[in-house]
Amino acid sequence: MRYGWHNRGYLPHFDGGSIPQSITFRLFDSLPRIIIEEWSHELARQGSAERDTEMRRRISAYLDQGQGSCYLKDPRVARLVQDAILYFDQDKYLLSAWVVMPNHVHLVTTPLPGKRLARIMQSLKSFTAKEANKLLAREGTFWMPDYFDRYVRNEKHFTRAVEYVENNPVKAGLCLTPEDWPFSSAWFRARDQG
């Protein structure tokens, strides 16, 4: 099993084995390719790190506007995706945080030894795409083929990643507190303590 950097399309990925990863995947129509191309052109003169940071910021802000079909607004579909995420917790990965937004999903998870992040994501996205299409009585592409991943460097980064994921619905104006969003780890955590 080979770990390290690899490319599964246009995005680089880092599979570091059993280290926490912050992951985002999105619906097929949540962010038009032309917009990413425009941003890439605008940011071409910036250094690599600055460009990557700004691109992530822009993508996050755009996704939070709820563009595209937003199939995940349908509670049946959001629940399906959430249940699929929860199903392999403790079997393929340790799940630390998640949120199912109207057009994208965020996870903070640690693959278990011998489990590859790319295989986990392929399995999760393939299953949920097929089942969501059945629920919605539709055919065709459901998710963008790729996903964003970022390995978590240290405890401070881990805390920030979990806070970002759980606060995403608040930042997007979908609820007042993270605990109000029913398709999230914050919602589950609030009910476990209550």
N, C-alpha and C. Protein backbone atom coordinates (compact mmCIF):
# COMPACT_ATOMS: atom_id res chain seq x y z
N MET A 1 0.85 -1.17 0.00
CA MET A 1 0.00 0.00 0.00
C MET A 1 0.91 1.24 0.00
N ARG A 2 0.71 2.11 -0.98
CA ARG A 2 1.54 3.30 -1.12
C ARG A 2 0.79 4.52 -0.62
N TYR A 3 1.38 5.24 0.34
CA TYR A 3 0.79 6.47 0.84
C TYR A 3 1.54 7.65 0.27
N GLY A 4 0.97 8.83 0.42
CA GLY A 4 1.61 10.05 -0.05
C GLY A 4 0.72 10.79 -1.03
N TRP A 5 1.33 11.65 -1.81
CA TRP A 5 0.60 12.48 -2.77
C TRP A 5 0.24 11.67 -4.00
N HIS A 6 -0.97 11.89 -4.52
CA HIS A 6 -1.40 11.31 -5.78
C HIS A 6 -2.45 12.23 -6.39
N ASN A 7 -2.80 11.97 -7.63
CA ASN A 7 -3.75 12.81 -8.35
C ASN A 7 -4.85 11.93 -8.92
N ARG A 8 -6.10 12.28 -8.64
CA ARG A 8 -7.24 11.53 -9.15
C ARG A 8 -8.09 12.43 -10.05
N GLY A 9 -7.49 13.14 -10.92
CA GLY A 9 -8.20 14.10 -11.75
C GLY A 9 -7.44 15.39 -11.72
N TYR A 10 -8.12 16.48 -11.43
CA TYR A 10 -7.43 17.77 -11.42
C TYR A 10 -6.99 18.21 -10.04
N LEU A 11 -7.36 17.48 -8.99
CA LEU A 11 -6.98 17.87 -7.63
C LEU A 11 -5.92 16.93 -7.07
N PRO A 12 -4.89 17.46 -6.43
CA PRO A 12 -3.92 16.59 -5.75
C PRO A 12 -4.52 16.10 -4.44
N HIS A 13 -4.16 14.88 -4.04
CA HIS A 13 -4.64 14.30 -2.79
C HIS A 13 -3.46 13.78 -2.00
N PHE A 14 -3.61 13.79 -0.68
CA PHE A 14 -2.58 13.24 0.18
C PHE A 14 -3.19 12.14 1.01
N ASP A 15 -2.74 10.92 0.80
CA ASP A 15 -3.18 9.79 1.59
C ASP A 15 -2.07 9.47 2.56
N GLY A 16 -2.25 9.85 3.80
CA GLY A 16 -1.21 9.68 4.81
C GLY A 16 -1.47 8.53 5.75
N GLY A 17 -2.36 7.64 5.35
CA GLY A 17 -2.69 6.54 6.24
C GLY A 17 -3.61 7.01 7.35
N SER A 18 -3.31 6.62 8.56
CA SER A 18 -4.18 6.92 9.70
C SER A 18 -3.89 8.28 10.31
N ILE A 19 -4.05 9.33 9.52
CA ILE A 19 -3.96 10.69 10.03
C ILE A 19 -5.28 11.39 9.71
N PRO A 20 -5.70 12.31 10.58
CA PRO A 20 -6.97 13.01 10.32
C PRO A 20 -6.93 13.78 8.99
N GLN A 21 -8.06 13.78 8.33
CA GLN A 21 -8.22 14.48 7.07
C GLN A 21 -9.48 15.34 7.13
N SER A 22 -9.39 16.53 6.58
CA SER A 22 -10.56 17.39 6.40
C SER A 22 -10.95 17.24 4.93
N ILE A 23 -12.19 16.83 4.67
CA ILE A 23 -12.63 16.47 3.33
C ILE A 23 -13.89 17.24 2.97
N THR A 24 -13.95 17.69 1.72
CA THR A 24 -15.16 18.32 1.18
C THR A 24 -15.46 17.67 -0.16
N PHE A 25 -16.72 17.28 -0.34
CA PHE A 25 -17.17 16.84 -1.66
C PHE A 25 -18.50 17.51 -1.95
N ARG A 26 -18.80 17.67 -3.24
CA ARG A 26 -19.93 18.52 -3.61
C ARG A 26 -20.73 17.94 -4.76
N LEU A 27 -21.96 18.45 -4.90
CA LEU A 27 -22.82 18.03 -5.99
C LEU A 27 -22.25 18.47 -7.33
N PHE A 28 -22.62 17.76 -8.37
CA PHE A 28 -22.06 17.97 -9.72
C PHE A 28 -22.26 19.38 -10.24
N ASP A 29 -23.31 20.07 -9.83
CA ASP A 29 -23.60 21.39 -10.40
C ASP A 29 -23.46 22.53 -9.39
N SER A 30 -22.75 22.28 -8.31
CA SER A 30 -22.66 23.28 -7.24
C SER A 30 -21.70 24.43 -7.56
N LEU A 31 -20.76 24.21 -8.47
CA LEU A 31 -19.77 25.23 -8.80
C LEU A 31 -19.33 25.04 -10.25
N PRO A 32 -19.82 25.87 -11.16
CA PRO A 32 -19.47 25.70 -12.57
C PRO A 32 -17.97 25.81 -12.82
N ARG A 33 -17.48 24.97 -13.68
CA ARG A 33 -16.06 24.92 -14.03
C ARG A 33 -15.55 26.28 -14.53
N ILE A 34 -16.39 27.01 -15.24
CA ILE A 34 -15.97 28.31 -15.79
C ILE A 34 -15.59 29.29 -14.68
N ILE A 35 -16.27 29.20 -13.55
CA ILE A 35 -15.96 30.09 -12.42
C ILE A 35 -14.59 29.73 -11.85
N ILE A 36 -14.30 28.45 -11.70
CA ILE A 36 -12.98 28.04 -11.21
C ILE A 36 -11.90 28.49 -12.18
N GLU A 37 -12.17 28.37 -13.47
CA GLU A 37 -11.19 28.82 -14.48
C GLU A 37 -10.95 30.32 -14.39
N GLU A 38 -12.02 31.09 -14.20
CA GLU A 38 -11.88 32.55 -14.04
C GLU A 38 -11.03 32.88 -12.82
N TRP A 39 -11.32 32.22 -11.71
CA TRP A 39 -10.56 32.46 -10.49
C TRP A 39 -9.10 32.08 -10.68
N SER A 40 -8.86 30.96 -11.34
CA SER A 40 -7.48 30.52 -11.59
C SER A 40 -6.72 31.57 -12.39
N HIS A 41 -7.40 32.14 -13.38
CA HIS A 41 -6.78 33.18 -14.20
C HIS A 41 -6.49 34.42 -13.35
N GLU A 42 -7.45 34.83 -12.53
CA GLU A 42 -7.28 36.01 -11.67
C GLU A 42 -6.14 35.83 -10.67
N LEU A 43 -5.95 34.61 -10.19
CA LEU A 43 -4.98 34.35 -9.13
C LEU A 43 -3.64 33.84 -9.65
N ALA A 44 -3.49 33.77 -10.96
CA ALA A 44 -2.30 33.16 -11.57
C ALA A 44 -0.99 33.80 -11.13
N ARG A 45 -0.99 35.08 -10.84
CA ARG A 45 0.25 35.78 -10.47
C ARG A 45 0.64 35.61 -9.00
N GLN A 46 -0.26 35.08 -8.20
CA GLN A 46 0.04 34.89 -6.78
C GLN A 46 0.91 33.65 -6.58
N GLY A 47 1.60 33.62 -5.46
CA GLY A 47 2.39 32.44 -5.10
C GLY A 47 1.49 31.25 -4.88
N SER A 48 2.04 30.08 -4.95
CA SER A 48 1.28 28.84 -4.85
C SER A 48 0.46 28.76 -3.56
N ALA A 49 1.06 29.03 -2.42
CA ALA A 49 0.34 28.94 -1.14
C ALA A 49 -0.77 29.98 -1.06
N GLU A 50 -0.47 31.22 -1.47
CA GLU A 50 -1.50 32.27 -1.46
C GLU A 50 -2.65 31.91 -2.39
N ARG A 51 -2.30 31.43 -3.57
CA ARG A 51 -3.32 31.06 -4.57
C ARG A 51 -4.22 29.95 -4.03
N ASP A 52 -3.62 28.91 -3.43
CA ASP A 52 -4.40 27.80 -2.90
C ASP A 52 -5.33 28.25 -1.78
N THR A 53 -4.82 29.09 -0.89
CA THR A 53 -5.62 29.60 0.22
C THR A 53 -6.80 30.43 -0.29
N GLU A 54 -6.53 31.32 -1.23
CA GLU A 54 -7.60 32.17 -1.78
C GLU A 54 -8.60 31.34 -2.56
N MET A 55 -8.14 30.35 -3.30
CA MET A 55 -9.06 29.50 -4.06
C MET A 55 -9.97 28.74 -3.11
N ARG A 56 -9.42 28.19 -2.03
CA ARG A 56 -10.25 27.47 -1.05
C ARG A 56 -11.28 28.42 -0.43
N ARG A 57 -10.86 29.64 -0.13
CA ARG A 57 -11.79 30.62 0.46
C ARG A 57 -12.93 30.93 -0.49
N ARG A 58 -12.60 31.15 -1.76
CA ARG A 58 -13.63 31.48 -2.76
C ARG A 58 -14.58 30.31 -2.98
N ILE A 59 -14.03 29.11 -3.07
CA ILE A 59 -14.88 27.94 -3.29
C ILE A 59 -15.82 27.76 -2.11
N SER A 60 -15.31 27.89 -0.90
CA SER A 60 -16.13 27.75 0.29
C SER A 60 -17.27 28.78 0.31
N ALA A 61 -16.94 30.02 0.02
CA ALA A 61 -17.95 31.09 0.01
C ALA A 61 -19.00 30.83 -1.06
N TYR A 62 -18.57 30.37 -2.22
CA TYR A 62 -19.52 30.10 -3.32
C TYR A 62 -20.45 28.94 -2.96
N LEU A 63 -19.88 27.86 -2.41
CA LEU A 63 -20.71 26.72 -2.04
C LEU A 63 -21.74 27.11 -0.99
N ASP A 64 -21.35 27.97 -0.05
CA ASP A 64 -22.26 28.37 1.02
C ASP A 64 -23.43 29.23 0.52
N GLN A 65 -23.34 29.72 -0.70
CA GLN A 65 -24.46 30.47 -1.29
C GLN A 65 -25.59 29.53 -1.72
N GLY A 66 -25.32 28.23 -1.75
CA GLY A 66 -26.36 27.26 -2.10
C GLY A 66 -26.71 27.26 -3.57
N GLN A 67 -25.70 27.31 -4.43
CA GLN A 67 -25.93 27.30 -5.88
C GLN A 67 -26.17 25.88 -6.37
N GLY A 68 -26.79 25.77 -7.53
CA GLY A 68 -27.02 24.46 -8.15
C GLY A 68 -28.32 23.83 -7.69
N SER A 69 -28.44 22.55 -7.95
CA SER A 69 -29.67 21.81 -7.67
C SER A 69 -29.96 21.68 -6.18
N CYS A 70 -28.95 21.68 -5.36
CA CYS A 70 -29.10 21.58 -3.90
C CYS A 70 -29.97 20.38 -3.48
N TYR A 71 -29.72 19.24 -4.09
CA TYR A 71 -30.48 18.03 -3.76
C TYR A 71 -30.38 17.65 -2.29
N LEU A 72 -29.33 18.09 -1.63
CA LEU A 72 -29.14 17.73 -0.22
C LEU A 72 -30.04 18.55 0.70
N LYS A 73 -30.81 19.50 0.15
CA LYS A 73 -31.83 20.21 0.94
C LYS A 73 -32.99 19.29 1.27
N ASP A 74 -33.19 18.29 0.42
CA ASP A 74 -34.25 17.31 0.65
C ASP A 74 -33.83 16.48 1.87
N PRO A 75 -34.61 16.53 2.96
CA PRO A 75 -34.22 15.81 4.18
C PRO A 75 -33.99 14.31 3.96
N ARG A 76 -34.70 13.72 3.02
CA ARG A 76 -34.50 12.28 2.75
C ARG A 76 -33.10 12.03 2.21
N VAL A 77 -32.65 12.91 1.33
CA VAL A 77 -31.32 12.75 0.73
C VAL A 77 -30.24 13.10 1.75
N ALA A 78 -30.44 14.17 2.50
CA ALA A 78 -29.46 14.55 3.53
C ALA A 78 -29.32 13.42 4.56
N ARG A 79 -30.42 12.83 4.96
CA ARG A 79 -30.39 11.73 5.93
C ARG A 79 -29.67 10.51 5.34
N LEU A 80 -29.93 10.22 4.07
CA LEU A 80 -29.26 9.11 3.40
C LEU A 80 -27.74 9.31 3.43
N VAL A 81 -27.29 10.50 3.08
CA VAL A 81 -25.85 10.79 3.05
C VAL A 81 -25.29 10.72 4.47
N GLN A 82 -25.97 11.32 5.43
CA GLN A 82 -25.50 11.28 6.82
C GLN A 82 -25.42 9.85 7.33
N ASP A 83 -26.44 9.05 7.06
CA ASP A 83 -26.44 7.66 7.52
C ASP A 83 -25.30 6.87 6.89
N ALA A 84 -25.01 7.13 5.62
CA ALA A 84 -23.90 6.45 4.95
C ALA A 84 -22.56 6.85 5.58
N ILE A 85 -22.42 8.13 5.93
CA ILE A 85 -21.20 8.60 6.59
C ILE A 85 -21.05 7.89 7.94
N LEU A 86 -22.14 7.81 8.69
CA LEU A 86 -22.09 7.20 10.03
C LEU A 86 -21.88 5.68 9.98
N TYR A 87 -22.32 5.05 8.91
CA TYR A 87 -22.30 3.59 8.82
C TYR A 87 -20.89 3.01 8.98
N PHE A 88 -19.88 3.63 8.38
CA PHE A 88 -18.54 3.07 8.41
C PHE A 88 -17.64 3.69 9.50
N ASP A 89 -18.23 4.54 10.36
CA ASP A 89 -17.47 5.05 11.50
C ASP A 89 -17.09 3.85 12.38
N GLN A 90 -15.85 3.80 12.78
CA GLN A 90 -15.27 2.73 13.60
C GLN A 90 -14.92 1.47 12.79
N ASP A 91 -15.35 1.39 11.52
CA ASP A 91 -15.02 0.24 10.68
C ASP A 91 -13.96 0.60 9.63
N LYS A 92 -14.18 1.72 8.92
CA LYS A 92 -13.21 2.17 7.92
C LYS A 92 -12.46 3.43 8.36
N TYR A 93 -13.08 4.18 9.26
CA TYR A 93 -12.49 5.44 9.71
C TYR A 93 -13.06 5.82 11.07
N LEU A 94 -12.39 6.76 11.71
CA LEU A 94 -12.90 7.38 12.92
C LEU A 94 -13.44 8.75 12.54
N LEU A 95 -14.70 8.94 12.70
CA LEU A 95 -15.38 10.17 12.30
C LEU A 95 -15.36 11.16 13.45
N SER A 96 -14.81 12.35 13.20
CA SER A 96 -14.73 13.37 14.24
C SER A 96 -15.78 14.46 14.08
N ALA A 97 -16.09 14.81 12.83
CA ALA A 97 -17.10 15.85 12.57
C ALA A 97 -17.62 15.69 11.16
N TRP A 98 -18.86 16.12 10.94
CA TRP A 98 -19.44 16.11 9.60
C TRP A 98 -20.57 17.12 9.54
N VAL A 99 -20.89 17.53 8.33
CA VAL A 99 -22.08 18.33 8.08
C VAL A 99 -22.51 18.08 6.64
N VAL A 100 -23.80 17.90 6.45
CA VAL A 100 -24.38 17.77 5.12
C VAL A 100 -25.09 19.08 4.82
N MET A 101 -24.52 19.83 3.90
CA MET A 101 -25.05 21.13 3.49
C MET A 101 -25.94 20.93 2.25
N PRO A 102 -26.66 21.96 1.79
CA PRO A 102 -27.55 21.78 0.63
C PRO A 102 -26.86 21.29 -0.65
N ASN A 103 -25.59 21.67 -0.86
CA ASN A 103 -24.93 21.26 -2.11
C ASN A 103 -23.53 20.69 -1.90
N HIS A 104 -23.13 20.45 -0.65
CA HIS A 104 -21.82 19.86 -0.39
C HIS A 104 -21.78 19.23 1.00
N VAL A 105 -20.71 18.48 1.25
CA VAL A 105 -20.54 17.77 2.51
C VAL A 105 -19.11 18.02 3.01
N HIS A 106 -18.99 18.22 4.33
CA HIS A 106 -17.67 18.32 4.97
C HIS A 106 -17.52 17.17 5.97
N LEU A 107 -16.32 16.61 6.04
CA LEU A 107 -15.98 15.58 7.02
C LEU A 107 -14.64 15.89 7.64
N VAL A 108 -14.47 15.51 8.88
CA VAL A 108 -13.15 15.40 9.49
C VAL A 108 -13.09 13.96 9.98
N THR A 109 -12.19 13.19 9.38
CA THR A 109 -12.15 11.76 9.64
C THR A 109 -10.72 11.24 9.57
N THR A 110 -10.49 10.14 10.25
CA THR A 110 -9.18 9.50 10.25
C THR A 110 -9.33 8.08 9.72
N PRO A 111 -8.78 7.79 8.55
CA PRO A 111 -8.86 6.41 8.04
C PRO A 111 -8.18 5.44 9.02
N LEU A 112 -8.78 4.30 9.20
CA LEU A 112 -8.19 3.28 10.07
C LEU A 112 -7.03 2.60 9.33
N PRO A 113 -6.13 1.96 10.07
CA PRO A 113 -4.99 1.31 9.42
C PRO A 113 -5.44 0.35 8.31
N GLY A 114 -4.75 0.46 7.18
CA GLY A 114 -5.06 -0.39 6.03
C GLY A 114 -6.20 0.11 5.16
N LYS A 115 -6.84 1.19 5.54
CA LYS A 115 -7.96 1.74 4.76
C LYS A 115 -7.47 2.95 3.99
N ARG A 116 -7.73 2.99 2.71
CA ARG A 116 -7.27 4.08 1.84
C ARG A 116 -8.36 5.13 1.71
N LEU A 117 -7.97 6.39 1.86
CA LEU A 117 -8.92 7.50 1.75
C LEU A 117 -9.63 7.49 0.39
N ALA A 118 -8.89 7.26 -0.68
CA ALA A 118 -9.49 7.26 -2.02
C ALA A 118 -10.58 6.19 -2.14
N ARG A 119 -10.33 5.02 -1.57
CA ARG A 119 -11.35 3.94 -1.64
C ARG A 119 -12.56 4.26 -0.76
N ILE A 120 -12.29 4.84 0.40
CA ILE A 120 -13.39 5.24 1.28
C ILE A 120 -14.30 6.23 0.56
N MET A 121 -13.70 7.24 -0.05
CA MET A 121 -14.48 8.28 -0.73
C MET A 121 -15.22 7.71 -1.93
N GLN A 122 -14.57 6.87 -2.70
CA GLN A 122 -15.21 6.27 -3.87
C GLN A 122 -16.44 5.46 -3.45
N SER A 123 -16.29 4.67 -2.41
CA SER A 123 -17.38 3.84 -1.91
C SER A 123 -18.54 4.70 -1.40
N LEU A 124 -18.22 5.69 -0.59
CA LEU A 124 -19.23 6.58 -0.01
C LEU A 124 -20.00 7.34 -1.10
N LYS A 125 -19.26 7.92 -2.03
CA LYS A 125 -19.91 8.71 -3.08
C LYS A 125 -20.69 7.84 -4.06
N SER A 126 -20.17 6.68 -4.39
CA SER A 126 -20.86 5.78 -5.32
C SER A 126 -22.20 5.32 -4.74
N PHE A 127 -22.16 4.84 -3.50
CA PHE A 127 -23.38 4.36 -2.86
C PHE A 127 -24.42 5.47 -2.73
N THR A 128 -24.00 6.62 -2.20
CA THR A 128 -24.97 7.70 -1.97
C THR A 128 -25.51 8.26 -3.28
N ALA A 129 -24.70 8.30 -4.33
CA ALA A 129 -25.19 8.78 -5.63
C ALA A 129 -26.29 7.88 -6.16
N LYS A 130 -26.07 6.57 -6.12
CA LYS A 130 -27.08 5.62 -6.62
C LYS A 130 -28.37 5.73 -5.82
N GLU A 131 -28.24 5.74 -4.49
CA GLU A 131 -29.43 5.78 -3.64
C GLU A 131 -30.15 7.13 -3.71
N ALA A 132 -29.42 8.22 -3.79
CA ALA A 132 -30.05 9.54 -3.90
C ALA A 132 -30.79 9.66 -5.23
N ASN A 133 -30.19 9.17 -6.30
CA ASN A 133 -30.87 9.21 -7.59
C ASN A 133 -32.18 8.42 -7.55
N LYS A 134 -32.18 7.28 -6.85
CA LYS A 134 -33.43 6.51 -6.69
C LYS A 134 -34.47 7.33 -5.94
N LEU A 135 -34.06 7.93 -4.81
CA LEU A 135 -35.00 8.74 -4.01
C LEU A 135 -35.59 9.90 -4.82
N LEU A 136 -34.75 10.50 -5.65
CA LEU A 136 -35.17 11.68 -6.42
C LEU A 136 -35.77 11.33 -7.78
N ALA A 137 -35.84 10.05 -8.08
CA ALA A 137 -36.35 9.58 -9.38
C ALA A 137 -35.63 10.28 -10.53
N ARG A 138 -34.31 10.26 -10.47
CA ARG A 138 -33.50 10.88 -11.51
C ARG A 138 -32.37 9.95 -11.89
N GLU A 139 -31.70 10.28 -12.98
CA GLU A 139 -30.53 9.54 -13.42
C GLU A 139 -29.40 10.52 -13.67
N GLY A 140 -28.20 9.99 -13.77
CA GLY A 140 -27.07 10.82 -14.13
C GLY A 140 -26.15 11.14 -12.98
N THR A 141 -25.21 12.01 -13.27
CA THR A 141 -24.18 12.40 -12.32
C THR A 141 -24.81 13.06 -11.10
N PHE A 142 -24.33 12.69 -9.94
CA PHE A 142 -24.83 13.28 -8.70
C PHE A 142 -23.73 14.13 -8.04
N TRP A 143 -22.56 13.52 -7.81
CA TRP A 143 -21.44 14.22 -7.20
C TRP A 143 -20.42 14.63 -8.25
N MET A 144 -19.66 15.67 -7.95
CA MET A 144 -18.46 15.95 -8.74
C MET A 144 -17.55 14.74 -8.56
N PRO A 145 -16.80 14.38 -9.61
CA PRO A 145 -16.00 13.16 -9.50
C PRO A 145 -14.88 13.23 -8.45
N ASP A 146 -14.39 14.39 -8.15
CA ASP A 146 -13.26 14.51 -7.24
C ASP A 146 -13.72 15.03 -5.88
N TYR A 147 -12.80 15.21 -4.97
CA TYR A 147 -13.08 15.76 -3.64
C TYR A 147 -11.86 16.54 -3.19
N PHE A 148 -12.06 17.43 -2.24
CA PHE A 148 -10.96 18.19 -1.65
C PHE A 148 -10.58 17.50 -0.34
N ASP A 149 -9.30 17.30 -0.13
CA ASP A 149 -8.86 16.77 1.15
C ASP A 149 -7.65 17.55 1.63
N ARG A 150 -7.54 17.63 2.92
CA ARG A 150 -6.40 18.33 3.53
C ARG A 150 -6.06 17.59 4.81
N TYR A 151 -4.83 17.12 4.89
CA TYR A 151 -4.46 16.40 6.12
C TYR A 151 -4.31 17.40 7.26
N VAL A 152 -4.68 16.94 8.44
CA VAL A 152 -4.66 17.79 9.63
C VAL A 152 -3.25 17.70 10.23
N ARG A 153 -2.63 18.84 10.38
CA ARG A 153 -1.22 18.92 10.76
C ARG A 153 -0.96 18.75 12.26
N ASN A 154 -1.86 19.28 13.08
CA ASN A 154 -1.62 19.23 14.53
C ASN A 154 -2.95 19.42 15.26
N GLU A 155 -2.88 19.44 16.58
CA GLU A 155 -4.10 19.53 17.39
C GLU A 155 -4.86 20.85 17.15
N LYS A 156 -4.14 21.94 17.01
CA LYS A 156 -4.78 23.23 16.75
C LYS A 156 -5.51 23.22 15.40
N HIS A 157 -4.87 22.67 14.40
CA HIS A 157 -5.50 22.55 13.08
C HIS A 157 -6.73 21.65 13.16
N PHE A 158 -6.65 20.56 13.93
CA PHE A 158 -7.78 19.64 14.11
C PHE A 158 -8.97 20.39 14.72
N THR A 159 -8.72 21.15 15.77
CA THR A 159 -9.78 21.91 16.43
C THR A 159 -10.42 22.91 15.46
N ARG A 160 -9.59 23.62 14.70
CA ARG A 160 -10.12 24.58 13.72
C ARG A 160 -10.93 23.87 12.64
N ALA A 161 -10.49 22.70 12.19
CA ALA A 161 -11.22 21.97 11.16
C ALA A 161 -12.59 21.53 11.66
N VAL A 162 -12.66 21.01 12.87
CA VAL A 162 -13.95 20.59 13.45
C VAL A 162 -14.86 21.80 13.62
N GLU A 163 -14.33 22.90 14.14
CA GLU A 163 -15.14 24.12 14.31
C GLU A 163 -15.66 24.62 12.97
N TYR A 164 -14.80 24.62 11.95
CA TYR A 164 -15.22 25.07 10.62
C TYR A 164 -16.38 24.21 10.11
N VAL A 165 -16.23 22.90 10.19
CA VAL A 165 -17.27 21.98 9.70
C VAL A 165 -18.58 22.22 10.44
N GLU A 166 -18.53 22.26 11.75
CA GLU A 166 -19.76 22.37 12.53
C GLU A 166 -20.39 23.75 12.45
N ASN A 167 -19.61 24.78 12.19
CA ASN A 167 -20.15 26.14 12.06
C ASN A 167 -20.58 26.48 10.63
N ASN A 168 -20.34 25.60 9.69
CA ASN A 168 -20.66 25.90 8.30
C ASN A 168 -22.13 26.28 8.07
N PRO A 169 -23.10 25.58 8.65
CA PRO A 169 -24.50 25.99 8.44
C PRO A 169 -24.82 27.38 9.00
N VAL A 170 -24.17 27.75 10.10
CA VAL A 170 -24.37 29.09 10.68
C VAL A 170 -23.78 30.13 9.74
N LYS A 171 -22.56 29.90 9.28
CA LYS A 171 -21.89 30.81 8.36
C LYS A 171 -22.69 31.00 7.08
N ALA A 172 -23.34 29.93 6.63
CA ALA A 172 -24.14 29.99 5.40
C ALA A 172 -25.53 30.58 5.63
N GLY A 173 -25.87 30.91 6.88
CA GLY A 173 -27.17 31.51 7.18
C GLY A 173 -28.32 30.52 7.22
N LEU A 174 -28.02 29.25 7.47
CA LEU A 174 -29.06 28.22 7.48
C LEU A 174 -29.66 27.99 8.86
N CYS A 175 -28.94 28.41 9.90
CA CYS A 175 -29.43 28.24 11.27
C CYS A 175 -28.67 29.22 12.18
N LEU A 176 -29.12 29.32 13.42
CA LEU A 176 -28.50 30.28 14.35
C LEU A 176 -27.32 29.70 15.12
N THR A 177 -27.39 28.41 15.46
CA THR A 177 -26.29 27.76 16.17
C THR A 177 -25.97 26.44 15.47
N PRO A 178 -24.74 25.95 15.59
CA PRO A 178 -24.39 24.68 14.95
C PRO A 178 -25.30 23.52 15.37
N GLU A 179 -25.75 23.54 16.63
CA GLU A 179 -26.59 22.47 17.15
C GLU A 179 -27.98 22.43 16.52
N ASP A 180 -28.36 23.51 15.82
CA ASP A 180 -29.67 23.57 15.18
C ASP A 180 -29.72 22.80 13.86
N TRP A 181 -28.56 22.51 13.27
CA TRP A 181 -28.54 21.88 11.94
C TRP A 181 -28.61 20.36 12.11
N PRO A 182 -29.72 19.72 11.69
CA PRO A 182 -29.93 18.30 12.00
C PRO A 182 -29.00 17.32 11.30
N PHE A 183 -28.31 17.74 10.26
CA PHE A 183 -27.45 16.82 9.53
C PHE A 183 -25.99 17.15 9.81
N SER A 184 -25.63 17.05 11.10
CA SER A 184 -24.29 17.45 11.52
C SER A 184 -23.88 16.78 12.82
N SER A 185 -22.59 16.73 13.03
CA SER A 185 -22.06 16.19 14.28
C SER A 185 -22.43 17.08 15.46
N ALA A 186 -22.54 18.39 15.24
CA ALA A 186 -22.91 19.31 16.33
C ALA A 186 -24.30 18.98 16.85
N TRP A 187 -25.22 18.68 15.96
CA TRP A 187 -26.59 18.32 16.34
C TRP A 187 -26.56 17.05 17.18
N PHE A 188 -25.82 16.04 16.71
CA PHE A 188 -25.73 14.77 17.45
C PHE A 188 -25.06 14.97 18.81
N ARG A 189 -23.99 15.74 18.85
CA ARG A 189 -23.27 15.96 20.09
C ARG A 189 -24.17 16.66 21.12
N ALA A 190 -24.97 17.63 20.69
CA ALA A 190 -25.86 18.37 21.60
C ALA A 190 -26.91 17.43 22.20
N ARG A 191 -27.38 16.47 21.45
CA ARG A 191 -28.40 15.55 21.94
C ARG A 191 -27.80 14.48 22.85
N ASP A 192 -26.54 14.11 22.63
CA ASP A 192 -25.88 13.13 23.51
C ASP A 192 -25.66 13.71 24.89
N GLN A 193 -25.45 15.03 24.99
CA GLN A 193 -25.17 15.66 26.27
C GLN A 193 -26.44 16.13 26.97
N GLY A 194 -27.56 16.15 26.23
CA GLY A 194 -28.79 16.70 26.79
C GLY A 194 -29.64 15.76 27.49
